PDB file of N, CA and C in Angstrom:
ATOM      1  N   MET A   1      85.014  67.456 141.647  1.00  0.00           N
ATOM      2  CA  MET A   1      83.665  67.947 141.530  1.00  0.00           C
ATOM      3  C   MET A   1      83.546  68.793 140.261  1.00  0.00           C
ATOM      4  N   ARG A   2      82.475  68.607 139.548  1.00  0.00           N
ATOM      5  CA  ARG A   2      82.280  69.283 138.268  1.00  0.00           C
ATOM      6  C   ARG A   2      81.554  70.603 138.465  1.00  0.00           C
ATOM      7  N   LYS A   3      82.039  71.657 137.748  1.00  0.00           N
ATOM      8  CA  LYS A   3      81.405  72.974 137.848  1.00  0.00           C
ATOM      9  C   LYS A   3      80.265  73.081 136.857  1.00  0.00           C
ATOM     10  N   ARG A   4      79.192  73.692 137.258  1.00  0.00           N
ATOM     11  CA  ARG A   4      78.078  73.964 136.345  1.00  0.00           C
ATOM     12  C   ARG A   4      78.383  75.211 135.544  1.00  0.00           C
ATOM     13  N   PRO A   5      78.000  75.221 134.240  1.00  0.00           N
ATOM     14  CA  PRO A   5      78.248  76.418 133.448  1.00  0.00           C
ATOM     15  C   PRO A   5      77.412  77.580 133.991  1.00  0.00           C
ATOM     16  N   SER A   6      77.958  78.746 133.867  1.00  0.00           N
ATOM     17  CA  SER A   6      77.239  79.909 134.384  1.00  0.00           C
ATOM     18  C   SER A   6      76.011  80.194 133.528  1.00  0.00           C
ATOM     19  N   THR A   7      75.054  80.836 134.131  1.00  0.00           N
ATOM     20  CA  THR A   7      73.817  81.189 133.437  1.00  0.00           C
ATOM     21  C   THR A   7      74.101  82.142 132.288  1.00  0.00           C
ATOM     22  N   LEU A   8      75.000  83.073 132.490  1.00  0.00           N
ATOM     23  CA  LEU A   8      75.343  84.041 131.443  1.00  0.00           C
ATOM     24  C   LEU A   8      75.959  83.330 130.239  1.00  0.00           C
ATOM     25  N   ARG A   9      76.850  82.402 130.480  1.00  0.00           N
ATOM     26  CA  ARG A   9      77.479  81.652 129.388  1.00  0.00           C
ATOM     27  C   ARG A   9      76.428  80.834 128.636  1.00  0.00           C
ATOM     28  N   SER A  10      75.493  80.234 129.346  1.00  0.00           N
ATOM     29  CA  SER A  10      74.427  79.452 128.712  1.00  0.00           C
ATOM     30  C   SER A  10      73.535  80.336 127.857  1.00  0.00           C
ATOM     31  N   LEU A  11      73.173  81.502 128.375  1.00  0.00           N
ATOM     32  CA  LEU A  11      72.331  82.427 127.616  1.00  0.00           C
ATOM     33  C   LEU A  11      73.050  82.940 126.370  1.00  0.00           C
ATOM     34  N   LEU A  12      74.324  83.229 126.507  1.00  0.00           N
ATOM     35  CA  LEU A  12      75.108  83.698 125.372  1.00  0.00           C
ATOM     36  C   LEU A  12      75.218  82.608 124.303  1.00  0.00           C
ATOM     37  N   SER A  13      75.410  81.372 124.723  1.00  0.00           N
ATOM     38  CA  SER A  13      75.465  80.257 123.777  1.00  0.00           C
ATOM     39  C   SER A  13      74.144  80.094 123.047  1.00  0.00           C
ATOM     40  N   LEU A  14      73.035  80.209 123.773  1.00  0.00           N
ATOM     41  CA  LEU A  14      71.717  80.124 123.147  1.00  0.00           C
ATOM     42  C   LEU A  14      71.497  81.262 122.157  1.00  0.00           C
ATOM     43  N   LEU A  15      71.913  82.456 122.513  1.00  0.00           N
ATOM     44  CA  LEU A  15      71.750  83.611 121.634  1.00  0.00           C
ATOM     45  C   LEU A  15      72.561  83.440 120.349  1.00  0.00           C
ATOM     46  N   ILE A  16      73.802  83.046 120.492  1.00  0.00           N
ATOM     47  CA  ILE A  16      74.655  82.836 119.313  1.00  0.00           C
ATOM     48  C   ILE A  16      74.090  81.708 118.448  1.00  0.00           C
ATOM     49  N   GLY A  17      73.656  80.627 119.067  1.00  0.00           N
ATOM     50  CA  GLY A  17      73.047  79.518 118.325  1.00  0.00           C
ATOM     51  C   GLY A  17      71.797  79.963 117.577  1.00  0.00           C
ATOM     52  N   GLY A  18      70.972  80.785 118.212  1.00  0.00           N
ATOM     53  CA  GLY A  18      69.762  81.297 117.565  1.00  0.00           C
ATOM     54  C   GLY A  18      70.073  82.167 116.364  1.00  0.00           C
ATOM     55  N   VAL A  19      71.084  83.010 116.492  1.00  0.00           N
ATOM     56  CA  VAL A  19      71.493  83.871 115.375  1.00  0.00           C
ATOM     57  C   VAL A  19      72.011  83.027 114.218  1.00  0.00           C
ATOM     58  N   VAL A  20      72.821  82.029 114.522  1.00  0.00           N
ATOM     59  CA  VAL A  20      73.372  81.165 113.473  1.00  0.00           C
ATOM     60  C   VAL A  20      72.251  80.418 112.749  1.00  0.00           C
ATOM     61  N   VAL A  21      71.305  79.857 113.490  1.00  0.00           N
ATOM     62  CA  VAL A  21      70.181  79.140 112.880  1.00  0.00           C
ATOM     63  C   VAL A  21      69.349  80.084 112.021  1.00  0.00           C
ATOM     64  N   THR A  22      69.094  81.291 112.494  1.00  0.00           N
ATOM     65  CA  THR A  22      68.324  82.282 111.730  1.00  0.00           C
ATOM     66  C   THR A  22      69.037  82.627 110.425  1.00  0.00           C
ATOM     67  N   LEU A  23      70.340  82.841 110.481  1.00  0.00           N
ATOM     68  CA  LEU A  23      71.103  83.154 109.267  1.00  0.00           C
ATOM     69  C   LEU A  23      71.082  82.001 108.271  1.00  0.00           C
ATOM     70  N   ILE A  24      71.182  80.795 108.767  1.00  0.00           N
ATOM     71  CA  ILE A  24      71.139  79.620 107.888  1.00  0.00           C
ATOM     72  C   ILE A  24      69.767  79.512 107.223  1.00  0.00           C
ATOM     73  N   LEU A  25      68.699  79.716 107.989  1.00  0.00           N
ATOM     74  CA  LEU A  25      67.350  79.666 107.420  1.00  0.00           C
ATOM     75  C   LEU A  25      67.139  80.764 106.392  1.00  0.00           C
ATOM     76  N   PHE A  26      67.617  81.970 106.679  1.00  0.00           N
ATOM     77  CA  PHE A  26      67.485  83.086 105.740  1.00  0.00           C
ATOM     78  C   PHE A  26      68.241  82.792 104.445  1.00  0.00           C
ATOM     79  N   ALA A  27      69.470  82.313 104.570  1.00  0.00           N
ATOM     80  CA  ALA A  27      70.278  82.013 103.378  1.00  0.00           C
ATOM     81  C   ALA A  27      69.641  80.898 102.556  1.00  0.00           C
ATOM     82  N   THR A  28      69.075  79.901 103.212  1.00  0.00           N
ATOM     83  CA  THR A  28      68.410  78.809 102.504  1.00  0.00           C
ATOM     84  C   THR A  28      67.175  79.313 101.764  1.00  0.00           C
ATOM     85  N   ALA A  29      66.343  80.105 102.435  1.00  0.00           N
ATOM     86  CA  ALA A  29      65.139  80.657 101.803  1.00  0.00           C
ATOM     87  C   ALA A  29      65.505  81.565 100.641  1.00  0.00           C
ATOM     88  N   ASP A  30      66.526  82.390 100.819  1.00  0.00           N
ATOM     89  CA  ASP A  30      66.979  83.293  99.763  1.00  0.00           C
ATOM     90  C   ASP A  30      67.445  82.495  98.545  1.00  0.00           C
ATOM     91  N   GLY A  31      68.209  81.444  98.771  1.00  0.00           N
ATOM     92  CA  GLY A  31      68.695  80.604  97.681  1.00  0.00           C
ATOM     93  C   GLY A  31      67.570  79.881  96.958  1.00  0.00           C
ATOM     94  N   LEU A  32      66.595  79.371  97.712  1.00  0.00           N
ATOM     95  CA  LEU A  32      65.453  78.692  97.091  1.00  0.00           C
ATOM     96  C   LEU A  32      64.634  79.659  96.239  1.00  0.00           C
ATOM     97  N   CYS A  33      64.419  80.862  96.746  1.00  0.00           N
ATOM     98  CA  CYS A  33      63.674  81.870  95.983  1.00  0.00           C
ATOM     99  C   CYS A  33      64.425  82.239  94.707  1.00  0.00           C
ATOM    100  N   ARG A  34      65.711  82.466  94.818  1.00  0.00           N
ATOM    101  CA  ARG A  34      66.505  82.842  93.642  1.00  0.00           C
ATOM    102  C   ARG A  34      66.492  81.739  92.586  1.00  0.00           C
ATOM    103  N   TYR A  35      66.635  80.501  93.017  1.00  0.00           N
ATOM    104  CA  TYR A  35      66.592  79.378  92.083  1.00  0.00           C
ATOM    105  C   TYR A  35      65.240  79.323  91.365  1.00  0.00           C
ATOM    106  N   ASP A  36      64.158  79.456  92.125  1.00  0.00           N
ATOM    107  CA  ASP A  36      62.820  79.379  91.540  1.00  0.00           C
ATOM    108  C   ASP A  36      62.578  80.501  90.540  1.00  0.00           C
ATOM    109  N   ILE A  37      62.946  81.714  90.891  1.00  0.00           N
ATOM    110  CA  ILE A  37      62.729  82.860  89.999  1.00  0.00           C
ATOM    111  C   ILE A  37      63.582  82.732  88.743  1.00  0.00           C
ATOM    112  N   SER A  38      64.823  82.360  88.893  1.00  0.00           N
ATOM    113  CA  SER A  38      65.707  82.214  87.734  1.00  0.00           C
ATOM    114  C   SER A  38      65.231  81.110  86.797  1.00  0.00           C
ATOM    115  N   ARG A  39      64.673  80.066  87.363  1.00  0.00           N
ATOM    116  CA  ARG A  39      64.203  78.930  86.566  1.00  0.00           C
ATOM    117  C   ARG A  39      62.921  79.281  85.808  1.00  0.00           C
ATOM    118  N   ARG A  40      62.010  79.998  86.444  1.00  0.00           N
ATOM    119  CA  ARG A  40      60.712  80.258  85.822  1.00  0.00           C
ATOM    120  C   ARG A  40      60.620  81.589  85.095  1.00  0.00           C
ATOM    121  N   LEU A  41      61.538  82.509  85.356  1.00  0.00           N
ATOM    122  CA  LEU A  41      61.503  83.821  84.715  1.00  0.00           C
ATOM    123  C   LEU A  41      62.907  84.214  84.256  1.00  0.00           C
ATOM    124  N   PRO A  42      63.426  83.503  83.243  1.00  0.00           N
ATOM    125  CA  PRO A  42      64.783  83.827  82.770  1.00  0.00           C
ATOM    126  C   PRO A  42      64.802  85.164  82.039  1.00  0.00           C
ATOM    127  N   TYR A  43      65.984  85.738  81.979  1.00  0.00           N
ATOM    128  CA  TYR A  43      66.144  86.998  81.261  1.00  0.00           C
ATOM    129  C   TYR A  43      65.989  86.780  79.757  1.00  0.00           C
ATOM    130  N   TYR A  44      65.383  87.754  79.097  1.00  0.00           N
ATOM    131  CA  TYR A  44      65.293  87.709  77.640  1.00  0.00           C
ATOM    132  C   TYR A  44      66.707  87.890  77.088  1.00  0.00           C
ATOM    133  N   PRO A  45      67.127  87.077  76.107  1.00  0.00           N
ATOM    134  CA  PRO A  45      68.539  87.054  75.683  1.00  0.00           C
ATOM    135  C   PRO A  45      69.092  88.359  75.110  1.00  0.00           C
ATOM    136  N   ASN A  46      68.303  89.138  74.413  1.00  0.00           N
ATOM    137  CA  ASN A  46      68.839  90.334  73.760  1.00  0.00           C
ATOM    138  C   ASN A  46      68.453  91.627  74.473  1.00  0.00           C
ATOM    139  N   ALA A  47      68.191  91.554  75.751  1.00  0.00           N
ATOM    140  CA  ALA A  47      67.728  92.729  76.487  1.00  0.00           C
ATOM    141  C   ALA A  47      68.836  93.312  77.362  1.00  0.00           C
ATOM    142  N   GLU A  48      68.788  94.632  77.522  1.00  0.00           N
ATOM    143  CA  GLU A  48      69.720  95.339  78.407  1.00  0.00           C
ATOM    144  C   GLU A  48      68.963  95.869  79.607  1.00  0.00           C
ATOM    145  N   LEU A  49      69.577  95.748  80.763  1.00  0.00           N
ATOM    146  CA  LEU A  49      68.970  96.224  81.999  1.00  0.00           C
ATOM    147  C   LEU A  49      68.907  97.745  81.994  1.00  0.00           C
ATOM    148  N   VAL A  50      67.709  98.289  82.245  1.00  0.00           N
ATOM    149  CA  VAL A  50      67.511  99.731  82.318  1.00  0.00           C
ATOM    150  C   VAL A  50      67.500 100.182  83.778  1.00  0.00           C
ATOM    151  N   SER A  51      66.758  99.456  84.610  1.00  0.00           N
ATOM    152  CA  SER A  51      66.727  99.783  86.036  1.00  0.00           C
ATOM    153  C   SER A  51      66.325  98.549  86.835  1.00  0.00           C
ATOM    154  N   ALA A  52      66.679  98.575  88.122  1.00  0.00           N
ATOM    155  CA  ALA A  52      66.357  97.458  89.012  1.00  0.00           C
ATOM    156  C   ALA A  52      66.201  97.975  90.430  1.00  0.00           C
ATOM    157  N   GLN A  53      65.206  97.429  91.124  1.00  0.00           N
ATOM    158  CA  GLN A  53      64.967  97.779  92.522  1.00  0.00           C
ATOM    159  C   GLN A  53      64.641  96.509  93.292  1.00  0.00           C
ATOM    160  N   SER A  54      65.085  96.451  94.517  1.00  0.00           N
ATOM    161  CA  SER A  54      64.763  95.317  95.368  1.00  0.00           C
ATOM    162  C   SER A  54      64.667  95.797  96.805  1.00  0.00           C
ATOM    163  N   ASP A  55      63.790  95.163  97.566  1.00  0.00           N
ATOM    164  CA  ASP A  55      63.690  95.522  98.980  1.00  0.00           C
ATOM    165  C   ASP A  55      64.435  94.514  99.858  1.00  0.00           C
ATOM    166  N   SER A  56      65.290  93.718  99.227  1.00  0.00           N
ATOM    167  CA  SER A  56      66.072  92.732  99.963  1.00  0.00           C
ATOM    168  C   SER A  56      67.553  92.932  99.647  1.00  0.00           C
ATOM    169  N   PHE A  57      68.357  91.938  99.984  1.00  0.00           N
ATOM    170  CA  PHE A  57      69.799  92.057  99.815  1.00  0.00           C
ATOM    171  C   PHE A  57      70.262  91.889  98.377  1.00  0.00           C
ATOM    172  N   ARG A  58      69.528  91.110  97.589  1.00  0.00           N
ATOM    173  CA  ARG A  58      69.929  90.927  96.196  1.00  0.00           C
ATOM    174  C   ARG A  58      68.688  90.799  95.316  1.00  0.00           C
ATOM    175  N   LEU A  59      68.901  91.021  94.021  1.00  0.00           N
ATOM    176  CA  LEU A  59      67.815  90.985  93.054  1.00  0.00           C
ATOM    177  C   LEU A  59      67.332  89.557  92.832  1.00  0.00           C
ATOM    178  N   ARG A  60      66.053  89.438  92.536  1.00  0.00           N
ATOM    179  CA  ARG A  60      65.444  88.159  92.167  1.00  0.00           C
ATOM    180  C   ARG A  60      65.719  87.075  93.201  1.00  0.00           C
ATOM    181  N   ALA A  61      65.450  87.385  94.435  1.00  0.00           N
ATOM    182  CA  ALA A  61      65.620  86.428  95.520  1.00  0.00           C
ATOM    183  C   ALA A  61      64.524  86.696  96.546  1.00  0.00           C
ATOM    184  N   LEU A  62      64.806  86.492  97.801  1.00  0.00           N
ATOM    185  CA  LEU A  62      63.844  86.740  98.866  1.00  0.00           C
ATOM    186  C   LEU A  62      63.438  88.203  98.845  1.00  0.00           C
ATOM    187  N   GLY A  63      62.161  88.481  98.958  1.00  0.00           N
ATOM    188  CA  GLY A  63      61.668  89.859  98.930  1.00  0.00           C
ATOM    189  C   GLY A  63      61.057  90.197  97.574  1.00  0.00           C
ATOM    190  N   ASN A  64      60.912  91.490  97.307  1.00  0.00           N
ATOM    191  CA  ASN A  64      60.317  91.973  96.064  1.00  0.00           C
ATOM    192  C   ASN A  64      61.384  92.592  95.169  1.00  0.00           C
ATOM    193  N   THR A  65      61.293  92.297  93.888  1.00  0.00           N
ATOM    194  CA  THR A  65      62.229  92.854  92.915  1.00  0.00           C
ATOM    195  C   THR A  65      61.451  93.317  91.689  1.00  0.00           C
ATOM    196  N   GLU A  66      61.829  94.479  91.196  1.00  0.00           N
ATOM    197  CA  GLU A  66      61.285  94.976  89.937  1.00  0.00           C
ATOM    198  C   GLU A  66      62.456  95.341  89.038  1.00  0.00           C
ATOM    199  N   MET A  67      62.447  94.793  87.819  1.00  0.00           N
ATOM    200  CA  MET A  67      63.527  95.054  86.867  1.00  0.00           C
ATOM    201  C   MET A  67      62.911  95.448  85.527  1.00  0.00           C
ATOM    202  N   ILE A  68      63.546  96.427  84.886  1.00  0.00           N
ATOM    203  CA  ILE A  68      63.094  96.878  83.581  1.00  0.00           C
ATOM    204  C   ILE A  68      64.222  96.670  82.584  1.00  0.00           C
ATOM    205  N   PHE A  69      63.900  95.989  81.483  1.00  0.00           N
ATOM    206  CA  PHE A  69      64.845  95.721  80.413  1.00  0.00           C
ATOM    207  C   PHE A  69      64.350  96.355  79.128  1.00  0.00           C
ATOM    208  N   SER A  70      65.280  96.617  78.227  1.00  0.00           N
ATOM    209  CA  SER A  70      64.950  97.166  76.919  1.00  0.00           C
ATOM    210  C   SER A  70      65.673  96.350  75.853  1.00  0.00           C
ATOM    211  N   THR A  71      64.990  96.136  74.722  1.00  0.00           N
ATOM    212  CA  THR A  71      65.600  95.427  73.605  1.00  0.00           C
ATOM    213  C   THR A  71      65.127  96.051  72.296  1.00  0.00           C
ATOM    214  N   SER A  72      65.973  95.960  71.290  1.00  0.00           N
ATOM    215  CA  SER A  72      65.594  96.464  69.972  1.00  0.00           C
ATOM    216  C   SER A  72      64.765  95.440  69.207  1.00  0.00           C
ATOM    217  N   ASP A  73      64.649  94.224  69.731  1.00  0.00           N
ATOM    218  CA  ASP A  73      63.795  93.212  69.104  1.00  0.00           C
ATOM    219  C   ASP A  73      62.344  93.688  69.136  1.00  0.00           C
ATOM    220  N   THR A  74      61.578  93.247  68.170  1.00  0.00           N
ATOM    221  CA  THR A  74      60.177  93.666  68.106  1.00  0.00           C
ATOM    222  C   THR A  74      59.375  93.022  69.237  1.00  0.00           C
ATOM    223  N   GLU A  75      58.246  93.616  69.516  1.00  0.00           N
ATOM    224  CA  GLU A  75      57.365  93.081  70.548  1.00  0.00           C
ATOM    225  C   GLU A  75      56.954  91.643  70.195  1.00  0.00           C
ATOM    226  N   GLU A  76      56.684  91.390  68.932  1.00  0.00           N
ATOM    227  CA  GLU A  76      56.279  90.046  68.509  1.00  0.00           C
ATOM    228  C   GLU A  76      57.409  89.037  68.707  1.00  0.00           C
ATOM    229  N   GLU A  77      58.653  89.418  68.430  1.00  0.00           N
ATOM    230  CA  GLU A  77      59.788  88.508  68.662  1.00  0.00           C
ATOM    231  C   GLU A  77      59.906  88.155  70.148  1.00  0.00           C
ATOM    232  N   VAL A  78      59.739  89.162  70.995  1.00  0.00           N
ATOM    233  CA  VAL A  78      59.827  88.938  72.446  1.00  0.00           C
ATOM    234  C   VAL A  78      58.682  88.041  72.908  1.00  0.00           C
ATOM    235  N   ARG A  79      57.477  88.323  72.456  1.00  0.00           N
ATOM    236  CA  ARG A  79      56.322  87.498  72.843  1.00  0.00           C
ATOM    237  C   ARG A  79      56.472  86.058  72.345  1.00  0.00           C
ATOM    238  N   THR A  80      56.992  85.878  71.146  1.00  0.00           N
ATOM    239  CA  THR A  80      57.209  84.534  70.610  1.00  0.00           C
ATOM    240  C   THR A  80      58.230  83.778  71.450  1.00  0.00           C
ATOM    241  N   TRP A  81      59.310  84.457  71.852  1.00  0.00           N
ATOM    242  CA  TRP A  81      60.329  83.819  72.685  1.00  0.00           C
ATOM    243  C   TRP A  81      59.715  83.345  74.002  1.00  0.00           C
ATOM    244  N   TYR A  82      58.909  84.207  74.630  1.00  0.00           N
ATOM    245  CA  TYR A  82      58.275  83.833  75.900  1.00  0.00           C
ATOM    246  C   TYR A  82      57.203  82.771  75.702  1.00  0.00           C
ATOM    247  N   ARG A  83      56.491  82.803  74.597  1.00  0.00           N
ATOM    248  CA  ARG A  83      55.495  81.774  74.309  1.00  0.00           C
ATOM    249  C   ARG A  83      56.181  80.409  74.201  1.00  0.00           C
ATOM    250  N   ASN A  84      57.289  80.364  73.479  1.00  0.00           N
ATOM    251  CA  ASN A  84      58.046  79.109  73.361  1.00  0.00           C
ATOM    252  C   ASN A  84      58.593  78.655  74.709  1.00  0.00           C
ATOM    253  N   LEU A  85      59.061  79.597  75.517  1.00  0.00           N
ATOM    254  CA  LEU A  85      59.548  79.275  76.860  1.00  0.00           C
ATOM    255  C   LEU A  85      58.414  78.692  77.704  1.00  0.00           C
ATOM    256  N   ASN A  86      57.238  79.301  77.632  1.00  0.00           N
ATOM    257  CA  ASN A  86      56.092  78.803  78.404  1.00  0.00           C
ATOM    258  C   ASN A  86      55.730  77.377  77.997  1.00  0.00           C
ATOM    259  N   ILE A  87      55.748  77.096  76.703  1.00  0.00           N
ATOM    260  CA  ILE A  87      55.441  75.744  76.225  1.00  0.00           C
ATOM    261  C   ILE A  87      56.487  74.759  76.735  1.00  0.00           C
ATOM    262  N   GLU A  88      57.755  75.153  76.664  1.00  0.00           N
ATOM    263  CA  GLU A  88      58.839  74.296  77.160  1.00  0.00           C
ATOM    264  C   GLU A  88      58.680  74.019  78.652  1.00  0.00           C
ATOM    265  N   GLN A  89      58.346  75.045  79.420  1.00  0.00           N
ATOM    266  CA  GLN A  89      58.171  74.866  80.856  1.00  0.00           C
ATOM    267  C   GLN A  89      56.961  73.984  81.164  1.00  0.00           C
ATOM    268  N   LEU A  90      55.882  74.148  80.413  1.00  0.00           N
ATOM    269  CA  LEU A  90      54.710  73.290  80.602  1.00  0.00           C
ATOM    270  C   LEU A  90      55.053  71.831  80.318  1.00  0.00           C
ATOM    271  N   ASN A  91      55.822  71.606  79.260  1.00  0.00           N
ATOM    272  CA  ASN A  91      56.226  70.238  78.910  1.00  0.00           C
ATOM    273  C   ASN A  91      57.118  69.621  79.980  1.00  0.00           C
ATOM    274  N   LYS A  92      57.900  70.445  80.663  1.00  0.00           N
ATOM    275  CA  LYS A  92      58.775  69.952  81.738  1.00  0.00           C
ATOM    276  C   LYS A  92      58.060  69.864  83.079  1.00  0.00           C
ATOM    277  N   GLY A  93      56.822  70.357  83.135  1.00  0.00           N
ATOM    278  CA  GLY A  93      56.070  70.338  84.384  1.00  0.00           C
ATOM    279  C   GLY A  93      56.426  71.463  85.335  1.00  0.00           C
ATOM    280  N   ILE A  94      57.026  72.508  84.821  1.00  0.00           N
ATOM    281  CA  ILE A  94      57.381  73.659  85.652  1.00  0.00           C
ATOM    282  C   ILE A  94      56.195  74.630  85.633  1.00  0.00           C
ATOM    283  N   LEU A  95      55.229  74.360  86.497  1.00  0.00           N
ATOM    284  CA  LEU A  95      53.996  75.142  86.482  1.00  0.00           C
ATOM    285  C   LEU A  95      53.933  76.150  87.613  1.00  0.00           C
ATOM    286  N   ARG A  96      54.434  75.765  88.752  1.00  0.00           N
ATOM    287  CA  ARG A  96      54.369  76.631  89.929  1.00  0.00           C
ATOM    288  C   ARG A  96      55.712  76.650  90.637  1.00  0.00           C
ATOM    289  N   GLY A  97      55.823  77.598  91.540  1.00  0.00           N
ATOM    290  CA  GLY A  97      57.030  77.682  92.332  1.00  0.00           C
ATOM    291  C   GLY A  97      56.760  78.431  93.619  1.00  0.00           C
ATOM    292  N   LEU A  98      57.814  78.803  94.282  1.00  0.00           N
ATOM    293  CA  LEU A  98      57.700  79.529  95.540  1.00  0.00           C
ATOM    294  C   LEU A  98      57.313  80.989  95.333  1.00  0.00           C
ATOM    295  N   ALA A  99      57.809  81.565  94.267  1.00  0.00           N
ATOM    296  CA  ALA A  99      57.695  83.006  94.059  1.00  0.00           C
ATOM    297  C   ALA A  99      56.496  83.359  93.186  1.00  0.00           C
ATOM    298  N   ASP A 100      55.996  84.562  93.420  1.00  0.00           N
ATOM    299  CA  ASP A 100      55.016  85.164  92.527  1.00  0.00           C
ATOM    300  C   ASP A 100      55.823  85.917  91.478  1.00  0.00           C
ATOM    301  N   ILE A 101      55.679  85.536  90.214  1.00  0.00           N
ATOM    302  CA  ILE A 101      56.437  86.191  89.149  1.00  0.00           C
ATOM    303  C   ILE A 101      55.466  86.768  88.127  1.00  0.00           C
ATOM    304  N   GLN A 102      55.829  87.920  87.596  1.00  0.00           N
ATOM    305  CA  GLN A 102      55.027  88.570  86.570  1.00  0.00           C
ATOM    306  C   GLN A 102      55.955  89.164  85.528  1.00  0.00           C
ATOM    307  N   ARG A 103      55.459  89.199  84.314  1.00  0.00           N
ATOM    308  CA  ARG A 103      56.227  89.747  83.199  1.00  0.00           C
ATOM    309  C   ARG A 103      55.269  90.580  82.368  1.00  0.00           C
ATOM    310  N   THR A 104      55.680  91.787  82.026  1.00  0.00           N
ATOM    311  CA  THR A 104      54.875  92.663  81.189  1.00  0.00           C
ATOM    312  C   THR A 104      55.738  93.122  80.020  1.00  0.00           C
ATOM    313  N   ILE A 105      55.154  93.124  78.832  1.00  0.00           N
ATOM    314  CA  ILE A 105      55.877  93.525  77.624  1.00  0.00           C
ATOM    315  C   ILE A 105      55.112  94.671  76.979  1.00  0.00           C
ATOM    316  N   ARG A 106      55.843  95.732  76.641  1.00  0.00           N
ATOM    317  CA  ARG A 106      55.219  96.871  75.959  1.00  0.00           C
ATOM    318  C   ARG A 106      56.248  97.535  75.061  1.00  0.00           C
ATOM    319  N   VAL A 107      55.778  98.416  74.197  1.00  0.00           N
ATOM    320  CA  VAL A 107      56.666  99.134  73.286  1.00  0.00           C
ATOM    321  C   VAL A 107      56.824 100.560  73.812  1.00  0.00           C
ATOM    322  N   SER A 108      58.083 101.027  73.854  1.00  0.00           N
ATOM    323  CA  SER A 108      58.356 102.386  74.328  1.00  0.00           C
ATOM    324  C   SER A 108      58.087 103.392  73.214  1.00  0.00           C
ATOM    325  N   GLU A 109      58.154 104.664  73.571  1.00  0.00           N
ATOM    326  CA  GLU A 109      57.928 105.739  72.603  1.00  0.00           C
ATOM    327  C   GLU A 109      58.964 105.738  71.487  1.00  0.00           C
ATOM    328  N   ASP A 110      60.192 105.297  71.797  1.00  0.00           N
ATOM    329  CA  ASP A 110      61.242 105.280  70.770  1.00  0.00           C
ATOM    330  C   ASP A 110      61.260 103.977  69.959  1.00  0.00           C
ATOM    331  N   GLY A 111      60.277 103.089  70.190  1.00  0.00           N
ATOM    332  CA  GLY A 111      60.148 101.876  69.385  1.00  0.00           C
ATOM    333  C   GLY A 111      60.810 100.642  69.955  1.00  0.00           C
ATOM    334  N   ASP A 112      61.569 100.786  71.044  1.00  0.00           N
ATOM    335  CA  ASP A 112      62.174  99.611  71.678  1.00  0.00           C
ATOM    336  C   ASP A 112      61.101  98.838  72.447  1.00  0.00           C
ATOM    337  N   THR A 113      61.363  97.574  72.641  1.00  0.00           N
ATOM    338  CA  THR A 113      60.462  96.749  73.435  1.00  0.00           C
ATOM    339  C   THR A 113      60.948  96.759  74.875  1.00  0.00           C
ATOM    340  N   ILE A 114      60.032  97.052  75.787  1.00  0.00           N
ATOM    341  CA  ILE A 114      60.328  97.118  77.219  1.00  0.00           C
ATOM    342  C   ILE A 114      59.759  95.861  77.872  1.00  0.00           C
ATOM    343  N   ILE A 115      60.590  95.221  78.690  1.00  0.00           N
ATOM    344  CA  ILE A 115      60.173  94.027  79.427  1.00  0.00           C
ATOM    345  C   ILE A 115      60.289  94.342  80.909  1.00  0.00           C
ATOM    346  N   LEU A 116      59.181  94.234  81.604  1.00  0.00           N
ATOM    347  CA  LEU A 116      59.132  94.500  83.038  1.00  0.00           C
ATOM    348  C   LEU A 116      59.033  93.171  83.769  1.00  0.00           C
ATOM    349  N   TYR A 117      59.974  92.896  84.661  1.00  0.00           N
ATOM    350  CA  TYR A 117      59.937  91.691  85.492  1.00  0.00           C
ATOM    351  C   TYR A 117      59.593  92.113  86.909  1.00  0.00           C
ATOM    352  N   TYR A 118      58.691  91.372  87.526  1.00  0.00           N
ATOM    353  CA  TYR A 118      58.385  91.582  88.940  1.00  0.00           C
ATOM    354  C   TYR A 118      58.392  90.221  89.622  1.00  0.00           C
ATOM    355  N   SER A 119      59.087  90.132  90.718  1.00  0.00           N
ATOM    356  CA  SER A 119      59.082  88.890  91.491  1.00  0.00           C
ATOM    357  C   SER A 119      58.931  89.215  92.959  1.00  0.00           C
ATOM    358  N   SER A 120      58.206  88.335  93.640  1.00  0.00           N
ATOM    359  CA  SER A 120      57.986  88.475  95.066  1.00  0.00           C
ATOM    360  C   SER A 120      58.083  87.089  95.686  1.00  0.00           C
ATOM    361  N   CYS A 121      58.955  86.945  96.667  1.00  0.00           N
ATOM    362  CA  CYS A 121      59.130  85.637  97.284  1.00  0.00           C
ATOM    363  C   CYS A 121      59.333  85.816  98.783  1.00  0.00           C
ATOM    364  N   GLY A 122      58.568  85.107  99.528  1.00  0.00           N
ATOM    365  CA  GLY A 122      58.706  85.088 100.968  1.00  0.00           C
ATOM    366  C   GLY A 122      58.169  83.787 101.491  1.00  0.00           C
ATOM    367  N   LEU A 123      58.926  83.124 102.299  1.00  0.00           N
ATOM    368  CA  LEU A 123      58.487  81.809 102.782  1.00  0.00           C
ATOM    369  C   LEU A 123      57.775  81.929 104.089  1.00  0.00           C
TER     370      LEU A 123
END
């Protein structure tokens, strides 16, 4: 005669299965967000990170991230680099993605160019 599994064992199996599925979904969403942000908002090549904040586990992934970079390149050089990047992305059809991304460029008091990146991604 075959024994039926206990109710407690069944509930525990369901709970563990639910946690595993949730972790897999979270990791997948986090990876998709990171890929999208990295593809559409690459780092400026000559910039140094000044500060970074995120309300999630890692920068530029699931959740909100704000990063501030500084470069000695002129504001016009930075804008030209991003203008060329935008044209390249338009030609490749990279128009939209999962994340809301924003970029702001300004000149600091000491003459360096400041680049502010903001990304927000949630599925």
